Amino acid sequence: MLKHIAALILGVSLVGGMALADTKTDKPAPKTPAKKVALVDINSATQEQLEAIPEIGTEYCHHIIMGRPYKTTDELVSKQILPKETFDKVKDKIVAKAEVKPKK
């Protein structure tokens, strides 16, 4: 009787192992496309939009708005609006595309 119980347990464990083996695949999970983050236009963004960018606080935001318009994002460094280190951290999140009319 003990032999029958041992054989039954062994059989169940083998069948369970086969079921697990059947569900396993060697294929990697499909990659989900990375979310595209909308770039913030430094010429038209609101204060809130600029402040939402990591590394851009209230003071930098104020300087960015006051220095408009920009032809390129690099002008944030050349006009001494942002330090180079800060610019390097945000340059992939910003764009200078919309033209803003100069203030009269």
PDB file of N, CA and C in Angstrom:
ATOM      1  N   MET A   1       0.822  -1.191   0.000  1.00  0.00           N
ATOM      2  CA  MET A   1       0.000   0.000   0.000  1.00  0.00           C
ATOM      3  C   MET A   1       0.870   1.261   0.000  1.00  0.00           C
ATOM      4  N   LEU A   2       1.948   1.225   0.790  1.00  0.00           N
ATOM      5  CA  LEU A   2       2.868   2.360   0.854  1.00  0.00           C
ATOM      6  C   LEU A   2       3.504   2.609  -0.512  1.00  0.00           C
ATOM      7  N   LYS A   3       3.801   1.516  -1.237  1.00  0.00           N
ATOM      8  CA  LYS A   3       4.385   1.653  -2.572  1.00  0.00           C
ATOM      9  C   LYS A   3       3.409   2.355  -3.520  1.00  0.00           C
ATOM     10  N   HIS A   4       2.126   2.062  -3.402  1.00  0.00           N
ATOM     11  CA  HIS A   4       1.112   2.662  -4.271  1.00  0.00           C
ATOM     12  C   HIS A   4       0.977   4.170  -4.000  1.00  0.00           C
ATOM     13  N   ILE A   5       1.029   4.537  -2.744  1.00  0.00           N
ATOM     14  CA  ILE A   5       0.935   5.963  -2.382  1.00  0.00           C
ATOM     15  C   ILE A   5       2.160   6.714  -2.886  1.00  0.00           C
ATOM     16  N   ALA A   6       3.345   6.120  -2.731  1.00  0.00           N
ATOM     17  CA  ALA A   6       4.585   6.750  -3.206  1.00  0.00           C
ATOM     18  C   ALA A   6       4.542   6.902  -4.722  1.00  0.00           C
ATOM     19  N   ALA A   7       4.063   5.884  -5.407  1.00  0.00           N
ATOM     20  CA  ALA A   7       3.966   5.946  -6.868  1.00  0.00           C
ATOM     21  C   ALA A   7       2.960   7.009  -7.293  1.00  0.00           C
ATOM     22  N   LEU A   8       1.867   7.122  -6.572  1.00  0.00           N
ATOM     23  CA  LEU A   8       0.855   8.126  -6.875  1.00  0.00           C
ATOM     24  C   LEU A   8       1.421   9.540  -6.690  1.00  0.00           C
ATOM     25  N   ILE A   9       2.133   9.743  -5.595  1.00  0.00           N
ATOM     26  CA  ILE A   9       2.747  11.063  -5.343  1.00  0.00           C
ATOM     27  C   ILE A   9       3.769  11.394  -6.419  1.00  0.00           C
ATOM     28  N   LEU A  10       4.593  10.419  -6.784  1.00  0.00           N
ATOM     29  CA  LEU A  10       5.595  10.627  -7.826  1.00  0.00           C
ATOM     30  C   LEU A  10       4.925  10.959  -9.156  1.00  0.00           C
ATOM     31  N   GLY A  11       3.866  10.253  -9.468  1.00  0.00           N
ATOM     32  CA  GLY A  11       3.147  10.494 -10.718  1.00  0.00           C
ATOM     33  C   GLY A  11       2.536  11.879 -10.769  1.00  0.00           C
ATOM     34  N   VAL A  12       1.933  12.298  -9.672  1.00  0.00           N
ATOM     35  CA  VAL A  12       1.324  13.628  -9.610  1.00  0.00           C
ATOM     36  C   VAL A  12       2.398  14.702  -9.747  1.00  0.00           C
ATOM     37  N   SER A  13       3.534  14.536  -9.097  1.00  0.00           N
ATOM     38  CA  SER A  13       4.587  15.547  -9.175  1.00  0.00           C
ATOM     39  C   SER A  13       5.177  15.625 -10.578  1.00  0.00           C
ATOM     40  N   LEU A  14       5.291  14.488 -11.265  1.00  0.00           N
ATOM     41  CA  LEU A  14       5.796  14.509 -12.640  1.00  0.00           C
ATOM     42  C   LEU A  14       4.815  15.197 -13.577  1.00  0.00           C
ATOM     43  N   VAL A  15       3.547  14.897 -13.437  1.00  0.00           N
ATOM     44  CA  VAL A  15       2.522  15.517 -14.281  1.00  0.00           C
ATOM     45  C   VAL A  15       2.484  17.019 -14.006  1.00  0.00           C
ATOM     46  N   GLY A  16       2.547  17.415 -12.750  1.00  0.00           N
ATOM     47  CA  GLY A  16       2.569  18.838 -12.399  1.00  0.00           C
ATOM     48  C   GLY A  16       3.783  19.538 -12.983  1.00  0.00           C
ATOM     49  N   GLY A  17       4.937  18.877 -12.948  1.00  0.00           N
ATOM     50  CA  GLY A  17       6.152  19.452 -13.525  1.00  0.00           C
ATOM     51  C   GLY A  17       6.036  19.608 -15.023  1.00  0.00           C
ATOM     52  N   MET A  18       5.376  18.627 -15.684  1.00  0.00           N
ATOM     53  CA  MET A  18       5.203  18.723 -17.130  1.00  0.00           C
ATOM     54  C   MET A  18       4.273  19.873 -17.479  1.00  0.00           C
ATOM     55  N   ALA A  19       3.258  20.083 -16.650  1.00  0.00           N
ATOM     56  CA  ALA A  19       2.329  21.181 -16.919  1.00  0.00           C
ATOM     57  C   ALA A  19       3.053  22.510 -16.815  1.00  0.00           C
ATOM     58  N   LEU A  20       3.938  22.625 -15.844  1.00  0.00           N
ATOM     59  CA  LEU A  20       4.705  23.859 -15.719  1.00  0.00           C
ATOM     60  C   LEU A  20       5.645  24.033 -16.894  1.00  0.00           C
ATOM     61  N   ALA A  21       6.254  22.943 -17.335  1.00  0.00           N
ATOM     62  CA  ALA A  21       7.184  23.024 -18.450  1.00  0.00           C
ATOM     63  C   ALA A  21       6.457  23.441 -19.723  1.00  0.00           C
ATOM     64  N   ASP A  22       5.226  22.996 -19.883  1.00  0.00           N
ATOM     65  CA  ASP A  22       4.470  23.332 -21.079  1.00  0.00           C
ATOM     66  C   ASP A  22       4.124  24.823 -21.136  1.00  0.00           C
ATOM     67  N   THR A  23       3.931  25.447 -19.996  1.00  0.00           N
ATOM     68  CA  THR A  23       3.536  26.853 -19.993  1.00  0.00           C
ATOM     69  C   THR A  23       4.728  27.792 -20.128  1.00  0.00           C
ATOM     70  N   LYS A  24       5.908  27.267 -19.934  1.00  0.00           N
ATOM     71  CA  LYS A  24       7.103  28.099 -20.035  1.00  0.00           C
ATOM     72  C   LYS A  24       7.470  28.300 -21.499  1.00  0.00           C
ATOM     73  N   THR A  25       7.929  29.493 -21.842  1.00  0.00           N
ATOM     74  CA  THR A  25       8.414  29.740 -23.195  1.00  0.00           C
ATOM     75  C   THR A  25       9.807  30.318 -23.105  1.00  0.00           C
ATOM     76  N   ASP A  26      10.571  30.067 -24.119  1.00  0.00           N
ATOM     77  CA  ASP A  26      11.921  30.610 -24.156  1.00  0.00           C
ATOM     78  C   ASP A  26      11.948  31.997 -24.778  1.00  0.00           C
ATOM     79  N   LYS A  27      10.823  32.425 -25.292  1.00  0.00           N
ATOM     80  CA  LYS A  27      10.757  33.733 -25.942  1.00  0.00           C
ATOM     81  C   LYS A  27      10.684  34.836 -24.892  1.00  0.00           C
ATOM     82  N   PRO A  28      11.443  35.909 -25.086  1.00  0.00           N
ATOM     83  CA  PRO A  28      11.320  37.035 -24.146  1.00  0.00           C
ATOM     84  C   PRO A  28       9.981  37.730 -24.322  1.00  0.00           C
ATOM     85  N   ALA A  29       9.537  38.366 -23.271  1.00  0.00           N
ATOM     86  CA  ALA A  29       8.275  39.104 -23.339  1.00  0.00           C
ATOM     87  C   ALA A  29       8.408  40.221 -24.366  1.00  0.00           C
ATOM     88  N   PRO A  30       7.343  40.485 -25.121  1.00  0.00           N
ATOM     89  CA  PRO A  30       7.430  41.567 -26.114  1.00  0.00           C
ATOM     90  C   PRO A  30       7.664  42.903 -25.427  1.00  0.00           C
ATOM     91  N   LYS A  31       8.511  43.692 -26.037  1.00  0.00           N
ATOM     92  CA  LYS A  31       8.816  45.006 -25.473  1.00  0.00           C
ATOM     93  C   LYS A  31       7.675  45.963 -25.757  1.00  0.00           C
ATOM     94  N   THR A  32       7.312  46.701 -24.734  1.00  0.00           N
ATOM     95  CA  THR A  32       6.292  47.720 -24.935  1.00  0.00           C
ATOM     96  C   THR A  32       6.997  48.984 -25.385  1.00  0.00           C
ATOM     97  N   PRO A  33       6.437  49.678 -26.335  1.00  0.00           N
ATOM     98  CA  PRO A  33       7.095  50.888 -26.812  1.00  0.00           C
ATOM     99  C   PRO A  33       7.193  51.922 -25.693  1.00  0.00           C
ATOM    100  N   ALA A  34       8.312  52.617 -25.671  1.00  0.00           N
ATOM    101  CA  ALA A  34       8.507  53.665 -24.668  1.00  0.00           C
ATOM    102  C   ALA A  34       7.526  54.795 -24.929  1.00  0.00           C
ATOM    103  N   LYS A  35       7.035  55.358 -23.849  1.00  0.00           N
ATOM    104  CA  LYS A  35       6.113  56.473 -23.998  1.00  0.00           C
ATOM    105  C   LYS A  35       6.874  57.684 -24.517  1.00  0.00           C
ATOM    106  N   LYS A  36       6.300  58.310 -25.513  1.00  0.00           N
ATOM    107  CA  LYS A  36       6.905  59.528 -26.030  1.00  0.00           C
ATOM    108  C   LYS A  36       6.430  60.690 -25.170  1.00  0.00           C
ATOM    109  N   VAL A  37       7.393  61.376 -24.628  1.00  0.00           N
ATOM    110  CA  VAL A  37       7.078  62.513 -23.782  1.00  0.00           C
ATOM    111  C   VAL A  37       7.058  63.750 -24.667  1.00  0.00           C
ATOM    112  N   ALA A  38       6.018  64.533 -24.545  1.00  0.00           N
ATOM    113  CA  ALA A  38       5.911  65.747 -25.342  1.00  0.00           C
ATOM    114  C   ALA A  38       6.986  66.727 -24.902  1.00  0.00           C
ATOM    115  N   LEU A  39       7.655  67.304 -25.868  1.00  0.00           N
ATOM    116  CA  LEU A  39       8.673  68.301 -25.561  1.00  0.00           C
ATOM    117  C   LEU A  39       7.995  69.607 -25.163  1.00  0.00           C
ATOM    118  N   VAL A  40       8.612  70.315 -24.257  1.00  0.00           N
ATOM    119  CA  VAL A  40       8.083  71.600 -23.803  1.00  0.00           C
ATOM    120  C   VAL A  40       8.737  72.698 -24.627  1.00  0.00           C
ATOM    121  N   ASP A  41       7.925  73.506 -25.273  1.00  0.00           N
ATOM    122  CA  ASP A  41       8.430  74.613 -26.094  1.00  0.00           C
ATOM    123  C   ASP A  41       8.755  75.789 -25.170  1.00  0.00           C
ATOM    124  N   ILE A  42      10.028  76.125 -25.100  1.00  0.00           N
ATOM    125  CA  ILE A  42      10.444  77.192 -24.185  1.00  0.00           C
ATOM    126  C   ILE A  42       9.959  78.568 -24.619  1.00  0.00           C
ATOM    127  N   ASN A  43       9.476  78.687 -25.829  1.00  0.00           N
ATOM    128  CA  ASN A  43       8.960  79.973 -26.302  1.00  0.00           C
ATOM    129  C   ASN A  43       7.484  80.183 -25.983  1.00  0.00           C
ATOM    130  N   SER A  44       6.769  79.108 -25.752  1.00  0.00           N
ATOM    131  CA  SER A  44       5.325  79.271 -25.531  1.00  0.00           C
ATOM    132  C   SER A  44       4.807  78.600 -24.258  1.00  0.00           C
ATOM    133  N   ALA A  45       5.644  77.872 -23.560  1.00  0.00           N
ATOM    134  CA  ALA A  45       5.191  77.149 -22.371  1.00  0.00           C
ATOM    135  C   ALA A  45       4.790  78.106 -21.258  1.00  0.00           C
ATOM    136  N   THR A  46       3.803  77.670 -20.504  1.00  0.00           N
ATOM    137  CA  THR A  46       3.380  78.442 -19.334  1.00  0.00           C
ATOM    138  C   THR A  46       4.385  78.223 -18.213  1.00  0.00           C
ATOM    139  N   GLN A  47       4.267  79.037 -17.186  1.00  0.00           N
ATOM    140  CA  GLN A  47       5.144  78.892 -16.032  1.00  0.00           C
ATOM    141  C   GLN A  47       5.000  77.486 -15.434  1.00  0.00           C
ATOM    142  N   GLU A  48       3.776  77.007 -15.334  1.00  0.00           N
ATOM    143  CA  GLU A  48       3.531  75.690 -14.766  1.00  0.00           C
ATOM    144  C   GLU A  48       4.170  74.581 -15.605  1.00  0.00           C
ATOM    145  N   GLN A  49       4.098  74.719 -16.914  1.00  0.00           N
ATOM    146  CA  GLN A  49       4.699  73.712 -17.795  1.00  0.00           C
ATOM    147  C   GLN A  49       6.217  73.697 -17.642  1.00  0.00           C
ATOM    148  N   LEU A  50       6.820  74.864 -17.540  1.00  0.00           N
ATOM    149  CA  LEU A  50       8.272  74.933 -17.370  1.00  0.00           C
ATOM    150  C   LEU A  50       8.693  74.388 -16.006  1.00  0.00           C
ATOM    151  N   GLU A  51       7.950  74.740 -14.971  1.00  0.00           N
ATOM    152  CA  GLU A  51       8.299  74.275 -13.629  1.00  0.00           C
ATOM    153  C   GLU A  51       8.100  72.767 -13.466  1.00  0.00           C
ATOM    154  N   ALA A  52       7.320  72.158 -14.344  1.00  0.00           N
ATOM    155  CA  ALA A  52       7.101  70.709 -14.284  1.00  0.00           C
ATOM    156  C   ALA A  52       8.320  69.926 -14.772  1.00  0.00           C
ATOM    157  N   ILE A  53       9.236  70.605 -15.443  1.00  0.00           N
ATOM    158  CA  ILE A  53      10.456  69.959 -15.915  1.00  0.00           C
ATOM    159  C   ILE A  53      11.404  69.822 -14.719  1.00  0.00           C
ATOM    160  N   PRO A  54      11.873  68.600 -14.445  1.00  0.00           N
ATOM    161  CA  PRO A  54      12.836  68.460 -13.355  1.00  0.00           C
ATOM    162  C   PRO A  54      14.046  69.368 -13.598  1.00  0.00           C
ATOM    163  N   GLU A  55      14.552  69.954 -12.560  1.00  0.00           N
ATOM    164  CA  GLU A  55      15.704  70.864 -12.583  1.00  0.00           C
ATOM    165  C   GLU A  55      15.317  72.314 -12.876  1.00  0.00           C
ATOM    166  N   ILE A  56      14.088  72.572 -13.333  1.00  0.00           N
ATOM    167  CA  ILE A  56      13.668  73.950 -13.610  1.00  0.00           C
ATOM    168  C   ILE A  56      12.768  74.395 -12.465  1.00  0.00           C
ATOM    169  N   GLY A  57      13.279  75.281 -11.662  1.00  0.00           N
ATOM    170  CA  GLY A  57      12.506  75.813 -10.559  1.00  0.00           C
ATOM    171  C   GLY A  57      11.907  77.157 -10.927  1.00  0.00           C
ATOM    172  N   THR A  58      11.357  77.830  -9.940  1.00  0.00           N
ATOM    173  CA  THR A  58      10.685  79.115 -10.157  1.00  0.00           C
ATOM    174  C   THR A  58      11.636  80.164 -10.721  1.00  0.00           C
ATOM    175  N   GLU A  59      12.851  80.227 -10.196  1.00  0.00           N
ATOM    176  CA  GLU A  59      13.799  81.250 -10.650  1.00  0.00           C
ATOM    177  C   GLU A  59      14.213  81.031 -12.105  1.00  0.00           C
ATOM    178  N   TYR A  60      14.606  79.805 -12.449  1.00  0.00           N
ATOM    179  CA  TYR A  60      14.975  79.515 -13.840  1.00  0.00           C
ATOM    180  C   TYR A  60      13.779  79.748 -14.763  1.00  0.00           C
ATOM    181  N   CYS A  61      12.611  79.356 -14.320  1.00  0.00           N
ATOM    182  CA  CYS A  61      11.401  79.545 -15.109  1.00  0.00           C
ATOM    183  C   CYS A  61      11.213  81.027 -15.430  1.00  0.00           C
ATOM    184  N   HIS A  62      11.360  81.867 -14.426  1.00  0.00           N
ATOM    185  CA  HIS A  62      11.204  83.312 -14.619  1.00  0.00           C
ATOM    186  C   HIS A  62      12.220  83.832 -15.641  1.00  0.00           C
ATOM    187  N   HIS A  63      13.464  83.396 -15.533  1.00  0.00           N
ATOM    188  CA  HIS A  63      14.507  83.839 -16.472  1.00  0.00           C
ATOM    189  C   HIS A  63      14.231  83.345 -17.898  1.00  0.00           C
ATOM    190  N   ILE A  64      13.737  82.117 -18.011  1.00  0.00           N
ATOM    191  CA  ILE A  64      13.407  81.582 -19.345  1.00  0.00           C
ATOM    192  C   ILE A  64      12.316  82.423 -19.988  1.00  0.00           C
ATOM    193  N   ILE A  65      11.275  82.726 -19.243  1.00  0.00           N
ATOM    194  CA  ILE A  65      10.160  83.516 -19.782  1.00  0.00           C
ATOM    195  C   ILE A  65      10.621  84.921 -20.149  1.00  0.00           C
ATOM    196  N   MET A  66      11.413  85.538 -19.312  1.00  0.00           N
ATOM    197  CA  MET A  66      11.877  86.908 -19.571  1.00  0.00           C
ATOM    198  C   MET A  66      12.851  86.982 -20.745  1.00  0.00           C
ATOM    199  N   GLY A  67      13.538  85.891 -21.070  1.00  0.00           N
ATOM    200  CA  GLY A  67      14.520  85.890 -22.154  1.00  0.00           C
ATOM    201  C   GLY A  67      13.962  85.524 -23.515  1.00  0.00           C
ATOM    202  N   ARG A  68      12.672  85.295 -23.604  1.00  0.00           N
ATOM    203  CA  ARG A  68      12.056  84.918 -24.872  1.00  0.00           C
ATOM    204  C   ARG A  68      12.140  86.027 -25.891  1.00  0.00           C
ATOM    205  N   PRO A  69      12.140  85.699 -27.181  1.00  0.00           N
ATOM    206  CA  PRO A  69      12.083  84.391 -27.827  1.00  0.00           C
ATOM    207  C   PRO A  69      13.488  83.804 -28.006  1.00  0.00           C
ATOM    208  N   TYR A  70      13.517  82.499 -28.215  1.00  0.00           N
ATOM    209  CA  TYR A  70      14.758  81.766 -28.455  1.00  0.00           C
ATOM    210  C   TYR A  70      14.686  81.126 -29.833  1.00  0.00           C
ATOM    211  N   LYS A  71      15.804  81.161 -30.549  1.00  0.00           N
ATOM    212  CA  LYS A  71      15.875  80.481 -31.848  1.00  0.00           C
ATOM    213  C   LYS A  71      16.202  79.007 -31.647  1.00  0.00           C
ATOM    214  N   THR A  72      17.058  78.729 -30.677  1.00  0.00           N
ATOM    215  CA  THR A  72      17.428  77.350 -30.346  1.00  0.00           C
ATOM    216  C   THR A  72      17.468  77.205 -28.832  1.00  0.00           C
ATOM    217  N   THR A  73      17.401  75.973 -28.381  1.00  0.00           N
ATOM    218  CA  THR A  73      17.475  75.737 -26.941  1.00  0.00           C
ATOM    219  C   THR A  73      18.855  76.064 -26.388  1.00  0.00           C
ATOM    220  N   ASP A  74      19.885  75.992 -27.230  1.00  0.00           N
ATOM    221  CA  ASP A  74      21.255  76.302 -26.788  1.00  0.00           C
ATOM    222  C   ASP A  74      21.388  77.734 -26.273  1.00  0.00           C
ATOM    223  N   GLU A  75      20.471  78.590 -26.687  1.00  0.00           N
ATOM    224  CA  GLU A  75      20.526  79.981 -26.232  1.00  0.00           C
ATOM    225  C   GLU A  75      20.298  80.101 -24.725  1.00  0.00           C
ATOM    226  N   LEU A  76      19.719  79.092 -24.120  1.00  0.00           N
ATOM    227  CA  LEU A  76      19.532  79.128 -22.674  1.00  0.00           C
ATOM    228  C   LEU A  76      20.889  79.180 -21.963  1.00  0.00           C
ATOM    229  N   VAL A  77      21.888  78.571 -22.563  1.00  0.00           N
ATOM    230  CA  VAL A  77      23.247  78.612 -21.997  1.00  0.00           C
ATOM    231  C   VAL A  77      23.973  79.861 -22.473  1.00  0.00           C
ATOM    232  N   SER A  78      23.906  80.157 -23.766  1.00  0.00           N
ATOM    233  CA  SER A  78      24.659  81.307 -24.293  1.00  0.00           C
ATOM    234  C   SER A  78      24.155  82.631 -23.731  1.00  0.00           C
ATOM    235  N   LYS A  79      22.875  82.714 -23.400  1.00  0.00           N
ATOM    236  CA  LYS A  79      22.326  83.927 -22.783  1.00  0.00           C
ATOM    237  C   LYS A  79      22.405  83.876 -21.257  1.00  0.00           C
ATOM    238  N   GLN A  80      23.065  82.829 -20.742  1.00  0.00           N
ATOM    239  CA  GLN A  80      23.264  82.627 -19.311  1.00  0.00           C
ATOM    240  C   GLN A  80      21.940  82.552 -18.532  1.00  0.00           C
ATOM    241  N   ILE A  81      20.958  81.912 -19.157  1.00  0.00           N
ATOM    242  CA  ILE A  81      19.672  81.674 -18.509  1.00  0.00           C
ATOM    243  C   ILE A  81      19.786  80.445 -17.605  1.00  0.00           C
ATOM    244  N   LEU A  82      20.449  79.398 -18.118  1.00  0.00           N
ATOM    245  CA  LEU A  82      20.679  78.171 -17.368  1.00  0.00           C
ATOM    246  C   LEU A  82      22.167  77.844 -17.367  1.00  0.00           C
ATOM    247  N   PRO A  83      22.667  77.288 -16.265  1.00  0.00           N
ATOM    248  CA  PRO A  83      24.043  76.780 -16.297  1.00  0.00           C
ATOM    249  C   PRO A  83      24.127  75.562 -17.224  1.00  0.00           C
ATOM    250  N   LYS A  84      25.277  75.310 -17.795  1.00  0.00           N
ATOM    251  CA  LYS A  84      25.477  74.196 -18.731  1.00  0.00           C
ATOM    252  C   LYS A  84      25.063  72.867 -18.104  1.00  0.00           C
ATOM    253  N   GLU A  85      25.384  72.649 -16.840  1.00  0.00           N
ATOM    254  CA  GLU A  85      25.051  71.387 -16.171  1.00  0.00           C
ATOM    255  C   GLU A  85      23.530  71.178 -16.110  1.00  0.00           C
ATOM    256  N   THR A  86      22.804  72.230 -15.808  1.00  0.00           N
ATOM    257  CA  THR A  86      21.341  72.141 -15.749  1.00  0.00           C
ATOM    258  C   THR A  86      20.778  71.934 -17.154  1.00  0.00           C
ATOM    259  N   PHE A  87      21.296  72.667 -18.121  1.00  0.00           N
ATOM    260  CA  PHE A  87      20.848  72.525 -19.508  1.00  0.00           C
ATOM    261  C   PHE A  87      21.030  71.093 -19.995  1.00  0.00           C
ATOM    262  N   ASP A  88      22.186  70.496 -19.668  1.00  0.00           N
ATOM    263  CA  ASP A  88      22.443  69.115 -20.100  1.00  0.00           C
ATOM    264  C   ASP A  88      21.413  68.144 -19.553  1.00  0.00           C
ATOM    265  N   LYS A  89      20.850  68.436 -18.383  1.00  0.00           N
ATOM    266  CA  LYS A  89      19.849  67.561 -17.781  1.00  0.00           C
ATOM    267  C   LYS A  89      18.462  67.739 -18.392  1.00  0.00           C
ATOM    268  N   VAL A  90      18.183  68.903 -18.979  1.00  0.00           N
ATOM    269  CA  VAL A  90      16.838  69.171 -19.505  1.00  0.00           C
ATOM    270  C   VAL A  90      16.768  69.263 -21.024  1.00  0.00           C
ATOM    271  N   LYS A  91      17.890  69.229 -21.698  1.00  0.00           N
ATOM    272  CA  LYS A  91      17.898  69.485 -23.147  1.00  0.00           C
ATOM    273  C   LYS A  91      17.057  68.510 -23.964  1.00  0.00           C
ATOM    274  N   ASP A  92      16.861  67.291 -23.462  1.00  0.00           N
ATOM    275  CA  ASP A  92      16.043  66.311 -24.183  1.00  0.00           C
ATOM    276  C   ASP A  92      14.557  66.457 -23.886  1.00  0.00           C
ATOM    277  N   LYS A  93      14.202  67.419 -23.062  1.00  0.00           N
ATOM    278  CA  LYS A  93      12.801  67.625 -22.683  1.00  0.00           C
ATOM    279  C   LYS A  93      12.239  68.934 -23.239  1.00  0.00           C
ATOM    280  N   ILE A  94      13.097  69.718 -23.898  1.00  0.00           N
ATOM    281  CA  ILE A  94      12.672  71.039 -24.356  1.00  0.00           C
ATOM    282  C   ILE A  94      12.939  71.223 -25.842  1.00  0.00           C
ATOM    283  N   VAL A  95      12.245  72.204 -26.408  1.00  0.00           N
ATOM    284  CA  VAL A  95      12.415  72.569 -27.806  1.00  0.00           C
ATOM    285  C   VAL A  95      12.126  74.058 -27.922  1.00  0.00           C
ATOM    286  N   ALA A  96      12.692  74.689 -28.942  1.00  0.00           N
ATOM    287  CA  ALA A  96      12.406  76.105 -29.213  1.00  0.00           C
ATOM    288  C   ALA A  96      11.852  76.178 -30.629  1.00  0.00           C
ATOM    289  N   LYS A  97      10.537  76.003 -30.754  1.00  0.00           N
ATOM    290  CA  LYS A  97       9.968  75.957 -32.106  1.00  0.00           C
ATOM    291  C   LYS A  97       8.979  77.068 -32.396  1.00  0.00           C
ATOM    292  N   ALA A  98       8.209  77.463 -31.420  1.00  0.00           N
ATOM    293  CA  ALA A  98       7.193  78.483 -31.692  1.00  0.00           C
ATOM    294  C   ALA A  98       7.829  79.869 -31.577  1.00  0.00           C
ATOM    295  N   GLU A  99       7.502  80.691 -32.513  1.00  0.00           N
ATOM    296  CA  GLU A  99       8.004  82.050 -32.447  1.00  0.00           C
ATOM    297  C   GLU A  99       7.076  82.913 -31.611  1.00  0.00           C
ATOM    298  N   VAL A 100       7.678  83.634 -30.712  1.00  0.00           N
ATOM    299  CA  VAL A 100       6.913  84.538 -29.854  1.00  0.00           C
ATOM    300  C   VAL A 100       7.309  85.940 -30.280  1.00  0.00           C
ATOM    301  N   LYS A 101       6.310  86.778 -30.464  1.00  0.00           N
ATOM    302  CA  LYS A 101       6.595  88.154 -30.865  1.00  0.00           C
ATOM    303  C   LYS A 101       7.251  88.894 -29.718  1.00  0.00           C
ATOM    304  N   PRO A 102       8.294  89.657 -30.013  1.00  0.00           N
ATOM    305  CA  PRO A 102       8.963  90.404 -28.941  1.00  0.00           C
ATOM    306  C   PRO A 102       7.986  91.356 -28.264  1.00  0.00           C
ATOM    307  N   LYS A 103       8.214  91.565 -26.971  1.00  0.00           N
ATOM    308  CA  LYS A 103       7.375  92.475 -26.214  1.00  0.00           C
ATOM    309  C   LYS A 103       7.659  93.898 -26.634  1.00  0.00           C
ATOM    310  N   LYS A 104       6.608  94.727 -26.682  1.00  0.00           N
ATOM    311  CA  LYS A 104       6.774  96.130 -27.081  1.00  0.00           C
ATOM    312  C   LYS A 104       7.047  96.982 -25.892  1.00  0.00           C
TER     313      LYS A 104
END
